[in-house]
Structures are given as structure tokens and as C-alpha cells.
Amino acid sequence: MKRALSTAVVLAAALLVGACGERPQTNQHGVRFDAPPWTGSGAQANTGTAFTASGWQPGDRNAWEQHLKARMQFSQNEYTRIN
């Protein structure tokens, strides 16, 4: 009985200690996954990719918000597109 209890305690302690080792959230290019969306999605900070919308400069929060508003109003609003 004591052996089973001590084994359970050791396993619980190992699980608790193992949960403390969090790795940084970056991809192979060093871009953080938790970075604000308007900072870009390229391999370096404040850079875009081939999928970056034209007219938007990475790192410009105001332009990012304006593009989102325009997308919601004109291209992703089914009611506006049909009527």
C-alpha cells in the first residue's frame, strides 16, 4: 500500500514539474505565434508574404483595421452582396 502511494506521489510530482518547461512559441523562422496580427506574417518582423493584401503595409495597425472593416462590409457580408 505504501509502495503504491509513494509511486503515485512520485508520478504526480513528475507531471507537475514537467508542466513547468514551456518552450517559446516561435516557428522555424523565429516569428512569434502570439504576435499581434498587424505585424505581418513574413519570416521577419513587420514583413508580409505573397498572400499579403495589396495596399496594406505590415506593422500599420490602423490600415489593418480599415482592411478588416472593408472586408466585412463589402466582400464577406452576404446580405450586402445579394441585395
Foldseek 3Di string as FASTA:
>chain_A
DVVVVVVVVVVVVVVVVVVPDDDQQADPLRDHPPDDPQQEDDSDTQDYDPPDDPPRGRPDPVVVVVVVVCCCPPPVPPVVVVD
